Amino acid sequence: AALAQACAAVGHQHLELDAAARSVRFARDGLRIDLGGFAK
């Protein structure tokens, strides 16, 4: 149940990048990002 609730806020489509303003906005409450699969 907890996973289902958390996964409702998971999804790259909710990550809004604005190239003109060079900014990011989350379109869903509870969304978080982690670069553990990218930063190294």
PDB file of all heavy atoms in Angstrom:
ATOM      1  N   ALA A   1       0.828  -1.209   0.000  1.00  0.00           N
ATOM      2  CA  ALA A   1       0.000   0.000   0.000  1.00  0.00           C
ATOM      3  C   ALA A   1       0.862   1.258   0.000  1.00  0.00           C
ATOM      4  O   ALA A   1       0.586   2.223  -0.722  1.00  0.00           O
ATOM      5  CB  ALA A   1      -0.930  -0.012   1.209  1.00  0.00           C
ATOM      6  N   ALA A   2       1.924   1.255   0.820  1.00  0.00           N
ATOM      7  CA  ALA A   2       2.814   2.413   0.870  1.00  0.00           C
ATOM      8  C   ALA A   2       3.542   2.601  -0.458  1.00  0.00           C
ATOM      9  O   ALA A   2       3.727   3.740  -0.927  1.00  0.00           O
ATOM     10  CB  ALA A   2       3.812   2.256   2.013  1.00  0.00           C
ATOM     11  N   LEU A   3       3.944   1.497  -1.079  1.00  0.00           N
ATOM     12  CA  LEU A   3       4.609   1.586  -2.374  1.00  0.00           C
ATOM     13  C   LEU A   3       3.672   2.140  -3.443  1.00  0.00           C
ATOM     14  O   LEU A   3       4.062   2.968  -4.269  1.00  0.00           O
ATOM     15  CB  LEU A   3       5.125   0.215  -2.809  1.00  0.00           C
ATOM     16  CG  LEU A   3       6.567  -0.152  -2.474  1.00  0.00           C
ATOM     17  CD1 LEU A   3       6.931  -1.480  -3.093  1.00  0.00           C
ATOM     18  CD2 LEU A   3       7.531   0.928  -2.938  1.00  0.00           C
ATOM     19  N   ALA A   4       2.437   1.657  -3.440  1.00  0.00           N
ATOM     20  CA  ALA A   4       1.474   2.129  -4.428  1.00  0.00           C
ATOM     21  C   ALA A   4       1.258   3.626  -4.307  1.00  0.00           C
ATOM     22  O   ALA A   4       1.185   4.353  -5.312  1.00  0.00           O
ATOM     23  CB  ALA A   4       0.161   1.382  -4.269  1.00  0.00           C
ATOM     24  N   GLN A   5       1.170   4.116  -3.077  1.00  0.00           N
ATOM     25  CA  GLN A   5       0.984   5.543  -2.859  1.00  0.00           C
ATOM     26  C   GLN A   5       2.206   6.333  -3.331  1.00  0.00           C
ATOM     27  O   GLN A   5       2.083   7.373  -3.984  1.00  0.00           O
ATOM     28  CB  GLN A   5       0.713   5.821  -1.388  1.00  0.00           C
ATOM     29  CG  GLN A   5       0.456   7.290  -1.077  1.00  0.00           C
ATOM     30  CD  GLN A   5       0.127   7.524   0.388  1.00  0.00           C
ATOM     31  OE1 GLN A   5       0.137   6.592   1.194  1.00  0.00           O
ATOM     32  NE2 GLN A   5      -0.167   8.756   0.743  1.00  0.00           N
ATOM     33  N   ALA A   6       3.406   5.818  -3.011  1.00  0.00           N
ATOM     34  CA  ALA A   6       4.628   6.511  -3.422  1.00  0.00           C
ATOM     35  C   ALA A   6       4.792   6.507  -4.935  1.00  0.00           C
ATOM     36  O   ALA A   6       5.214   7.511  -5.528  1.00  0.00           O
ATOM     37  CB  ALA A   6       5.837   5.862  -2.752  1.00  0.00           C
ATOM     38  N   CYS A   7       4.460   5.392  -5.574  1.00  0.00           N
ATOM     39  CA  CYS A   7       4.649   5.274  -7.024  1.00  0.00           C
ATOM     40  C   CYS A   7       3.708   6.186  -7.806  1.00  0.00           C
ATOM     41  O   CYS A   7       3.959   6.477  -8.980  1.00  0.00           O
ATOM     42  CB  CYS A   7       4.474   3.823  -7.470  1.00  0.00           C
ATOM     43  SG  CYS A   7       5.893   2.770  -7.059  1.00  0.00           S
ATOM     44  N   ALA A   8       2.643   6.643  -7.151  1.00  0.00           N
ATOM     45  CA  ALA A   8       1.742   7.589  -7.820  1.00  0.00           C
ATOM     46  C   ALA A   8       2.454   8.907  -8.102  1.00  0.00           C
ATOM     47  O   ALA A   8       2.040   9.665  -8.994  1.00  0.00           O
ATOM     48  CB  ALA A   8       0.514   7.829  -6.949  1.00  0.00           C
ATOM     49  N   ALA A   9       3.522   9.195  -7.369  1.00  0.00           N
ATOM     50  CA  ALA A   9       4.295  10.422  -7.572  1.00  0.00           C
ATOM     51  C   ALA A   9       5.588  10.160  -8.326  1.00  0.00           C
ATOM     52  O   ALA A   9       6.433  11.050  -8.430  1.00  0.00           O
ATOM     53  CB  ALA A   9       4.598  11.073  -6.230  1.00  0.00           C
ATOM     54  N   VAL A  10       5.775   8.936  -8.815  1.00  0.00           N
ATOM     55  CA  VAL A  10       6.970   8.598  -9.579  1.00  0.00           C
ATOM     56  C   VAL A  10       6.644   8.697 -11.066  1.00  0.00           C
ATOM     57  O   VAL A  10       5.587   8.253 -11.499  1.00  0.00           O
ATOM     58  CB  VAL A  10       7.461   7.180  -9.226  1.00  0.00           C
ATOM     59  CG1 VAL A  10       8.573   6.742 -10.183  1.00  0.00           C
ATOM     60  CG2 VAL A  10       7.950   7.122  -7.785  1.00  0.00           C
ATOM     61  N   GLY A  11       7.555   9.274 -11.827  1.00  0.00           N
ATOM     62  CA  GLY A  11       7.349   9.337 -13.269  1.00  0.00           C
ATOM     63  C   GLY A  11       8.059  10.528 -13.878  1.00  0.00           C
ATOM     64  O   GLY A  11       7.841  11.671 -13.456  1.00  0.00           O
ATOM     65  N   HIS A  12       8.911  10.262 -14.856  1.00  0.00           N
ATOM     66  CA  HIS A  12       9.687  11.342 -15.469  1.00  0.00           C
ATOM     67  C   HIS A  12       8.803  12.378 -16.137  1.00  0.00           C
ATOM     68  O   HIS A  12       9.207  13.523 -16.318  1.00  0.00           O
ATOM     69  CB  HIS A  12      10.662  10.756 -16.488  1.00  0.00           C
ATOM     70  CG  HIS A  12       9.997  10.063 -17.636  1.00  0.00           C
ATOM     71  ND1 HIS A  12       9.560   8.758 -17.566  1.00  0.00           N
ATOM     72  CD2 HIS A  12       9.671  10.498 -18.874  1.00  0.00           C
ATOM     73  CE1 HIS A  12       9.018   8.404 -18.718  1.00  0.00           C
ATOM     74  NE2 HIS A  12       9.063   9.442 -19.523  1.00  0.00           N
ATOM     75  N   GLN A  13       7.569  11.993 -16.492  1.00  0.00           N
ATOM     76  CA  GLN A  13       6.669  12.945 -17.135  1.00  0.00           C
ATOM     77  C   GLN A  13       6.248  14.067 -16.184  1.00  0.00           C
ATOM     78  O   GLN A  13       5.738  15.104 -16.625  1.00  0.00           O
ATOM     79  CB  GLN A  13       5.428  12.225 -17.670  1.00  0.00           C
ATOM     80  CG  GLN A  13       4.515  11.627 -16.618  1.00  0.00           C
ATOM     81  CD  GLN A  13       4.927  10.216 -16.210  1.00  0.00           C
ATOM     82  OE1 GLN A  13       6.058   9.797 -16.453  1.00  0.00           O
ATOM     83  NE2 GLN A  13       3.993   9.484 -15.613  1.00  0.00           N
ATOM     84  N   HIS A  14       6.461  13.883 -14.883  1.00  0.00           N
ATOM     85  CA  HIS A  14       6.129  14.917 -13.904  1.00  0.00           C
ATOM     86  C   HIS A  14       7.306  15.858 -13.624  1.00  0.00           C
ATOM     87  O   HIS A  14       7.194  16.750 -12.789  1.00  0.00           O
ATOM     88  CB  HIS A  14       5.686  14.277 -12.585  1.00  0.00           C
ATOM     89  CG  HIS A  14       4.590  13.278 -12.741  1.00  0.00           C
ATOM     90  ND1 HIS A  14       3.441  13.533 -13.446  1.00  0.00           N
ATOM     91  CD2 HIS A  14       4.481  12.000 -12.284  1.00  0.00           C
ATOM     92  CE1 HIS A  14       2.655  12.459 -13.422  1.00  0.00           C
ATOM     93  NE2 HIS A  14       3.274  11.523 -12.721  1.00  0.00           N
ATOM     94  N   LEU A  15       8.412  15.633 -14.305  1.00  0.00           N
ATOM     95  CA  LEU A  15       9.609  16.465 -14.138  1.00  0.00           C
ATOM     96  C   LEU A  15       9.632  17.475 -15.281  1.00  0.00           C
ATOM     97  O   LEU A  15       9.832  17.104 -16.443  1.00  0.00           O
ATOM     98  CB  LEU A  15      10.863  15.579 -14.175  1.00  0.00           C
ATOM     99  CG  LEU A  15      12.186  16.155 -13.716  1.00  0.00           C
ATOM    100  CD1 LEU A  15      12.163  16.476 -12.236  1.00  0.00           C
ATOM    101  CD2 LEU A  15      13.310  15.167 -14.015  1.00  0.00           C
ATOM    102  N   GLU A  16       9.389  18.738 -14.980  1.00  0.00           N
ATOM    103  CA  GLU A  16       9.232  19.765 -16.002  1.00  0.00           C
ATOM    104  C   GLU A  16      10.483  20.646 -16.066  1.00  0.00           C
ATOM    105  O   GLU A  16      10.773  21.410 -15.143  1.00  0.00           O
ATOM    106  CB  GLU A  16       8.002  20.615 -15.707  1.00  0.00           C
ATOM    107  CG  GLU A  16       6.713  19.806 -15.701  1.00  0.00           C
ATOM    108  CD  GLU A  16       5.489  20.647 -15.384  1.00  0.00           C
ATOM    109  OE1 GLU A  16       5.660  21.837 -15.017  1.00  0.00           O
ATOM    110  OE2 GLU A  16       4.363  20.129 -15.503  1.00  0.00           O
ATOM    111  N   LEU A  17      11.218  20.520 -17.175  1.00  0.00           N
ATOM    112  CA  LEU A  17      12.404  21.337 -17.405  1.00  0.00           C
ATOM    113  C   LEU A  17      12.048  22.505 -18.314  1.00  0.00           C
ATOM    114  O   LEU A  17      11.371  22.322 -19.335  1.00  0.00           O
ATOM    115  CB  LEU A  17      13.516  20.514 -18.050  1.00  0.00           C
ATOM    116  CG  LEU A  17      14.255  19.489 -17.182  1.00  0.00           C
ATOM    117  CD1 LEU A  17      15.318  18.791 -18.013  1.00  0.00           C
ATOM    118  CD2 LEU A  17      14.870  20.149 -15.971  1.00  0.00           C
ATOM    119  N   ASP A  18      12.511  23.684 -17.946  1.00  0.00           N
ATOM    120  CA  ASP A  18      12.308  24.891 -18.742  1.00  0.00           C
ATOM    121  C   ASP A  18      13.674  25.349 -19.237  1.00  0.00           C
ATOM    122  O   ASP A  18      14.479  25.885 -18.462  1.00  0.00           O
ATOM    123  CB  ASP A  18      11.647  25.977 -17.886  1.00  0.00           C
ATOM    124  CG  ASP A  18      11.314  27.234 -18.685  1.00  0.00           C
ATOM    125  OD1 ASP A  18      11.998  27.513 -19.686  1.00  0.00           O
ATOM    126  OD2 ASP A  18      10.370  27.942 -18.281  1.00  0.00           O
ATOM    127  N   ALA A  19      13.940  25.109 -20.534  1.00  0.00           N
ATOM    128  CA  ALA A  19      15.258  25.445 -21.074  1.00  0.00           C
ATOM    129  C   ALA A  19      15.496  26.949 -21.087  1.00  0.00           C
ATOM    130  O   ALA A  19      16.619  27.408 -20.846  1.00  0.00           O
ATOM    131  CB  ALA A  19      15.397  24.871 -22.485  1.00  0.00           C
ATOM    132  N   ALA A  20      14.457  27.727 -21.364  1.00  0.00           N
ATOM    133  CA  ALA A  20      14.627  29.183 -21.434  1.00  0.00           C
ATOM    134  C   ALA A  20      15.014  29.757 -20.072  1.00  0.00           C
ATOM    135  O   ALA A  20      15.894  30.617 -19.964  1.00  0.00           O
ATOM    136  CB  ALA A  20      13.351  29.838 -21.946  1.00  0.00           C
ATOM    137  N   ALA A  21      14.344  29.269 -19.020  1.00  0.00           N
ATOM    138  CA  ALA A  21      14.634  29.757 -17.660  1.00  0.00           C
ATOM    139  C   ALA A  21      15.714  28.934 -16.973  1.00  0.00           C
ATOM    140  O   ALA A  21      16.181  29.309 -15.890  1.00  0.00           O
ATOM    141  CB  ALA A  21      13.366  29.727 -16.821  1.00  0.00           C
ATOM    142  N   ARG A  22      16.116  27.828 -17.596  1.00  0.00           N
ATOM    143  CA  ARG A  22      17.068  26.861 -17.021  1.00  0.00           C
ATOM    144  C   ARG A  22      16.637  26.501 -15.591  1.00  0.00           C
ATOM    145  O   ARG A  22      17.348  26.700 -14.614  1.00  0.00           O
ATOM    146  CB  ARG A  22      18.484  27.392 -17.033  1.00  0.00           C
ATOM    147  CG  ARG A  22      19.531  26.255 -17.057  1.00  0.00           C
ATOM    148  CD  ARG A  22      20.907  26.791 -17.239  1.00  0.00           C
ATOM    149  NE  ARG A  22      21.386  27.450 -16.040  1.00  0.00           N
ATOM    150  CZ  ARG A  22      22.405  28.292 -16.015  1.00  0.00           C
ATOM    151  NH1 ARG A  22      23.027  28.610 -17.134  1.00  0.00           N
ATOM    152  NH2 ARG A  22      22.791  28.841 -14.880  1.00  0.00           N
ATOM    153  N   SER A  23      15.425  25.945 -15.512  1.00  0.00           N
ATOM    154  CA  SER A  23      14.847  25.620 -14.210  1.00  0.00           C
ATOM    155  C   SER A  23      14.126  24.287 -14.283  1.00  0.00           C
ATOM    156  O   SER A  23      13.895  23.725 -15.370  1.00  0.00           O
ATOM    157  CB  SER A  23      13.860  26.709 -13.772  1.00  0.00           C
ATOM    158  OG  SER A  23      12.732  26.737 -14.631  1.00  0.00           O
ATOM    159  N   VAL A  24      13.781  23.760 -13.109  1.00  0.00           N
ATOM    160  CA  VAL A  24      13.014  22.527 -13.014  1.00  0.00           C
ATOM    161  C   VAL A  24      11.857  22.741 -12.054  1.00  0.00           C
ATOM    162  O   VAL A  24      11.974  23.493 -11.071  1.00  0.00           O
ATOM    163  CB  VAL A  24      13.890  21.341 -12.539  1.00  0.00           C
ATOM    164  CG1 VAL A  24      14.416  21.563 -11.124  1.00  0.00           C
ATOM    165  CG2 VAL A  24      13.132  20.028 -12.627  1.00  0.00           C
ATOM    166  N   ARG A  25      10.753  22.067 -12.348  1.00  0.00           N
ATOM    167  CA  ARG A  25       9.585  22.106 -11.473  1.00  0.00           C
ATOM    168  C   ARG A  25       9.000  20.712 -11.392  1.00  0.00           C
ATOM    169  O   ARG A  25       8.991  19.968 -12.375  1.00  0.00           O
ATOM    170  CB  ARG A  25       8.541  23.087 -12.026  1.00  0.00           C
ATOM    171  CG  ARG A  25       7.252  23.160 -11.208  1.00  0.00           C
ATOM    172  CD  ARG A  25       6.265  24.151 -11.821  1.00  0.00           C
ATOM    173  NE  ARG A  25       4.996  24.119 -11.125  1.00  0.00           N
ATOM    174  CZ  ARG A  25       4.005  23.267 -11.404  1.00  0.00           C
ATOM    175  NH1 ARG A  25       4.153  22.370 -12.374  1.00  0.00           N
ATOM    176  NH2 ARG A  25       2.876  23.303 -10.725  1.00  0.00           N
ATOM    177  N   PHE A  26       8.531  20.334 -10.201  1.00  0.00           N
ATOM    178  CA  PHE A  26       7.856  19.058 -10.018  1.00  0.00           C
ATOM    179  C   PHE A  26       6.351  19.271 -10.177  1.00  0.00           C
ATOM    180  O   PHE A  26       5.774  20.112  -9.485  1.00  0.00           O
ATOM    181  CB  PHE A  26       8.122  18.477  -8.628  1.00  0.00           C
ATOM    182  CG  PHE A  26       9.565  18.107  -8.368  1.00  0.00           C
ATOM    183  CD1 PHE A  26       9.998  17.860  -7.061  1.00  0.00           C
ATOM    184  CD2 PHE A  26      10.478  17.986  -9.400  1.00  0.00           C
ATOM    185  CE1 PHE A  26      11.316  17.509  -6.804  1.00  0.00           C
ATOM    186  CE2 PHE A  26      11.803  17.640  -9.147  1.00  0.00           C
ATOM    187  CZ  PHE A  26      12.218  17.406  -7.847  1.00  0.00           C
ATOM    188  N   ALA A  27       5.728  18.498 -11.050  1.00  0.00           N
ATOM    189  CA  ALA A  27       4.292  18.640 -11.281  1.00  0.00           C
ATOM    190  C   ALA A  27       3.459  17.801 -10.314  1.00  0.00           C
ATOM    191  O   ALA A  27       2.231  17.861 -10.371  1.00  0.00           O
ATOM    192  CB  ALA A  27       3.955  18.256 -12.721  1.00  0.00           C
ATOM    193  N   ARG A  28       4.109  17.041  -9.446  1.00  0.00           N
ATOM    194  CA  ARG A  28       3.404  16.210  -8.465  1.00  0.00           C
ATOM    195  C   ARG A  28       4.004  16.401  -7.087  1.00  0.00           C
ATOM    196  O   ARG A  28       5.219  16.403  -6.925  1.00  0.00           O
ATOM    197  CB  ARG A  28       3.510  14.718  -8.827  1.00  0.00           C
ATOM    198  CG  ARG A  28       2.663  14.270 -10.001  1.00  0.00           C
ATOM    199  CD  ARG A  28       1.216  14.062  -9.590  1.00  0.00           C
ATOM    200  NE  ARG A  28       0.401  13.603 -10.694  1.00  0.00           N
ATOM    201  CZ  ARG A  28       0.161  12.321 -10.965  1.00  0.00           C
ATOM    202  NH1 ARG A  28       0.681  11.385 -10.192  1.00  0.00           N
ATOM    203  NH2 ARG A  28      -0.593  11.976 -11.987  1.00  0.00           N
ATOM    204  N   ASP A  29       3.154  16.554  -6.088  1.00  0.00           N
ATOM    205  CA  ASP A  29       3.625  16.533  -4.703  1.00  0.00           C
ATOM    206  C   ASP A  29       4.184  15.155  -4.396  1.00  0.00           C
ATOM    207  O   ASP A  29       3.643  14.135  -4.850  1.00  0.00           O
ATOM    208  CB  ASP A  29       2.480  16.850  -3.740  1.00  0.00           C
ATOM    209  CG  ASP A  29       2.076  18.314  -3.783  1.00  0.00           C
ATOM    210  OD1 ASP A  29       2.925  19.138  -4.156  1.00  0.00           O
ATOM    211  OD2 ASP A  29       0.911  18.615  -3.463  1.00  0.00           O
ATOM    212  N   GLY A  30       5.234  15.100  -3.614  1.00  0.00           N
ATOM    213  CA  GLY A  30       5.835  13.823  -3.240  1.00  0.00           C
ATOM    214  C   GLY A  30       6.897  13.342  -4.206  1.00  0.00           C
ATOM    215  O   GLY A  30       7.592  12.362  -3.924  1.00  0.00           O
ATOM    216  N   LEU A  31       7.052  14.016  -5.355  1.00  0.00           N
ATOM    217  CA  LEU A  31       8.075  13.613  -6.312  1.00  0.00           C
ATOM    218  C   LEU A  31       9.452  14.010  -5.776  1.00  0.00           C
ATOM    219  O   LEU A  31       9.637  15.094  -5.235  1.00  0.00           O
ATOM    220  CB  LEU A  31       7.819  14.284  -7.664  1.00  0.00           C
ATOM    221  CG  LEU A  31       8.705  13.817  -8.835  1.00  0.00           C
ATOM    222  CD1 LEU A  31       7.892  13.773 -10.124  1.00  0.00           C
ATOM    223  CD2 LEU A  31       9.923  14.706  -9.022  1.00  0.00           C
ATOM    224  N   ARG A  32      10.414  13.123  -5.929  1.00  0.00           N
ATOM    225  CA  ARG A  32      11.799  13.367  -5.530  1.00  0.00           C
ATOM    226  C   ARG A  32      12.700  12.768  -6.599  1.00  0.00           C
ATOM    227  O   ARG A  32      12.320  11.805  -7.269  1.00  0.00           O
ATOM    228  CB  ARG A  32      12.131  12.716  -4.175  1.00  0.00           C
ATOM    229  CG  ARG A  32      11.369  13.295  -3.000  1.00  0.00           C
ATOM    230  CD  ARG A  32      11.655  12.503  -1.731  1.00  0.00           C
ATOM    231  NE  ARG A  32      13.055  12.546  -1.358  1.00  0.00           N
ATOM    232  CZ  ARG A  32      13.609  13.510  -0.627  1.00  0.00           C
ATOM    233  NH1 ARG A  32      12.861  14.510  -0.199  1.00  0.00           N
ATOM    234  NH2 ARG A  32      14.881  13.474  -0.305  1.00  0.00           N
ATOM    235  N   ILE A  33      13.897  13.339  -6.723  1.00  0.00           N
ATOM    236  CA  ILE A  33      14.852  12.790  -7.681  1.00  0.00           C
ATOM    237  C   ILE A  33      16.120  12.356  -6.952  1.00  0.00           C
ATOM    238  O   ILE A  33      16.446  12.865  -5.884  1.00  0.00           O
ATOM    239  CB  ILE A  33      15.193  13.790  -8.800  1.00  0.00           C
ATOM    240  CG1 ILE A  33      15.845  15.061  -8.238  1.00  0.00           C
ATOM    241  CG2 ILE A  33      13.954  14.125  -9.610  1.00  0.00           C
ATOM    242  CD1 ILE A  33      16.300  16.030  -9.322  1.00  0.00           C
ATOM    243  N   ASP A  34      16.794  11.393  -7.552  1.00  0.00           N
ATOM    244  CA  ASP A  34      18.059  10.890  -7.015  1.00  0.00           C
ATOM    245  C   ASP A  34      18.960  10.595  -8.200  1.00  0.00           C
ATOM    246  O   ASP A  34      18.543   9.911  -9.144  1.00  0.00           O
ATOM    247  CB  ASP A  34      17.809   9.627  -6.186  1.00  0.00           C
ATOM    248  CG  ASP A  34      19.039   9.188  -5.390  1.00  0.00           C
ATOM    249  OD1 ASP A  34      20.136   9.163  -5.975  1.00  0.00           O
ATOM    250  OD2 ASP A  34      18.898   8.861  -4.199  1.00  0.00           O
ATOM    251  N   LEU A  35      20.180  11.105  -8.163  1.00  0.00           N
ATOM    252  CA  LEU A  35      21.123  10.912  -9.263  1.00  0.00           C
ATOM    253  C   LEU A  35      22.066   9.748  -9.016  1.00  0.00           C
ATOM    254  O   LEU A  35      23.121   9.653  -9.639  1.00  0.00           O
ATOM    255  CB  LEU A  35      21.917  12.198  -9.499  1.00  0.00           C
ATOM    256  CG  LEU A  35      21.075  13.401  -9.941  1.00  0.00           C
ATOM    257  CD1 LEU A  35      21.946  14.640 -10.060  1.00  0.00           C
ATOM    258  CD2 LEU A  35      20.375  13.112 -11.263  1.00  0.00           C
ATOM    259  N   GLY A  36      21.680   8.834  -8.107  1.00  0.00           N
ATOM    260  CA  GLY A  36      22.534   7.689  -7.805  1.00  0.00           C
ATOM    261  C   GLY A  36      22.817   6.818  -9.010  1.00  0.00           C
ATOM    262  O   GLY A  36      23.841   6.134  -9.060  1.00  0.00           O
ATOM    263  N   GLY A  37      21.943   6.831 -10.012  1.00  0.00           N
ATOM    264  CA  GLY A  37      22.174   6.050 -11.219  1.00  0.00           C
ATOM    265  C   GLY A  37      22.820   6.848 -12.325  1.00  0.00           C
ATOM    266  O   GLY A  37      22.821   6.420 -13.482  1.00  0.00           O
ATOM    267  N   PHE A  38      23.381   8.005 -11.991  1.00  0.00           N
ATOM    268  CA  PHE A  38      23.891   8.896 -13.026  1.00  0.00           C
ATOM    269  C   PHE A  38      25.145   9.655 -12.610  1.00  0.00           C
ATOM    270  O   PHE A  38      26.047   9.873 -13.416  1.00  0.00           O
ATOM    271  CB  PHE A  38      22.789   9.907 -13.349  1.00  0.00           C
ATOM    272  CG  PHE A  38      22.530  10.085 -14.824  1.00  0.00           C
ATOM    273  CD1 PHE A  38      22.631   9.034 -15.714  1.00  0.00           C
ATOM    274  CD2 PHE A  38      22.159  11.319 -15.307  1.00  0.00           C
ATOM    275  CE1 PHE A  38      22.377   9.204 -17.065  1.00  0.00           C
ATOM    276  CE2 PHE A  38      21.902  11.510 -16.659  1.00  0.00           C
ATOM    277  CZ  PHE A  38      22.004  10.452 -17.536  1.00  0.00           C
ATOM    278  N   ALA A  39      25.205  10.085 -11.333  1.00  0.00           N
ATOM    279  CA  ALA A  39      26.261  11.008 -10.906  1.00  0.00           C
ATOM    280  C   ALA A  39      27.659  10.411 -10.995  1.00  0.00           C
ATOM    281  O   ALA A  39      28.616  11.105 -11.350  1.00  0.00           O
ATOM    282  CB  ALA A  39      25.990  11.503  -9.485  1.00  0.00           C
ATOM    283  N   LYS A  40      27.812   9.119 -10.675  1.00  0.00           N
ATOM    284  CA  LYS A  40      29.157   8.537 -10.713  1.00  0.00           C
ATOM    285  C   LYS A  40      29.650   8.394 -12.143  1.00  0.00           C
ATOM    286  O   LYS A  40      30.842   8.557 -12.414  1.00  0.00           O
ATOM    287  CB  LYS A  40      29.171   7.204  -9.966  1.00  0.00           C
ATOM    288  CG  LYS A  40      28.972   7.340  -8.467  1.00  0.00           C
ATOM    289  CD  LYS A  40      29.309   6.076  -7.713  1.00  0.00           C
ATOM    290  CE  LYS A  40      28.394   4.912  -8.070  1.00  0.00           C
ATOM    291  NZ  LYS A  40      26.991   5.160  -7.662  1.00  0.00           N
TER     292      LYS A  40
END
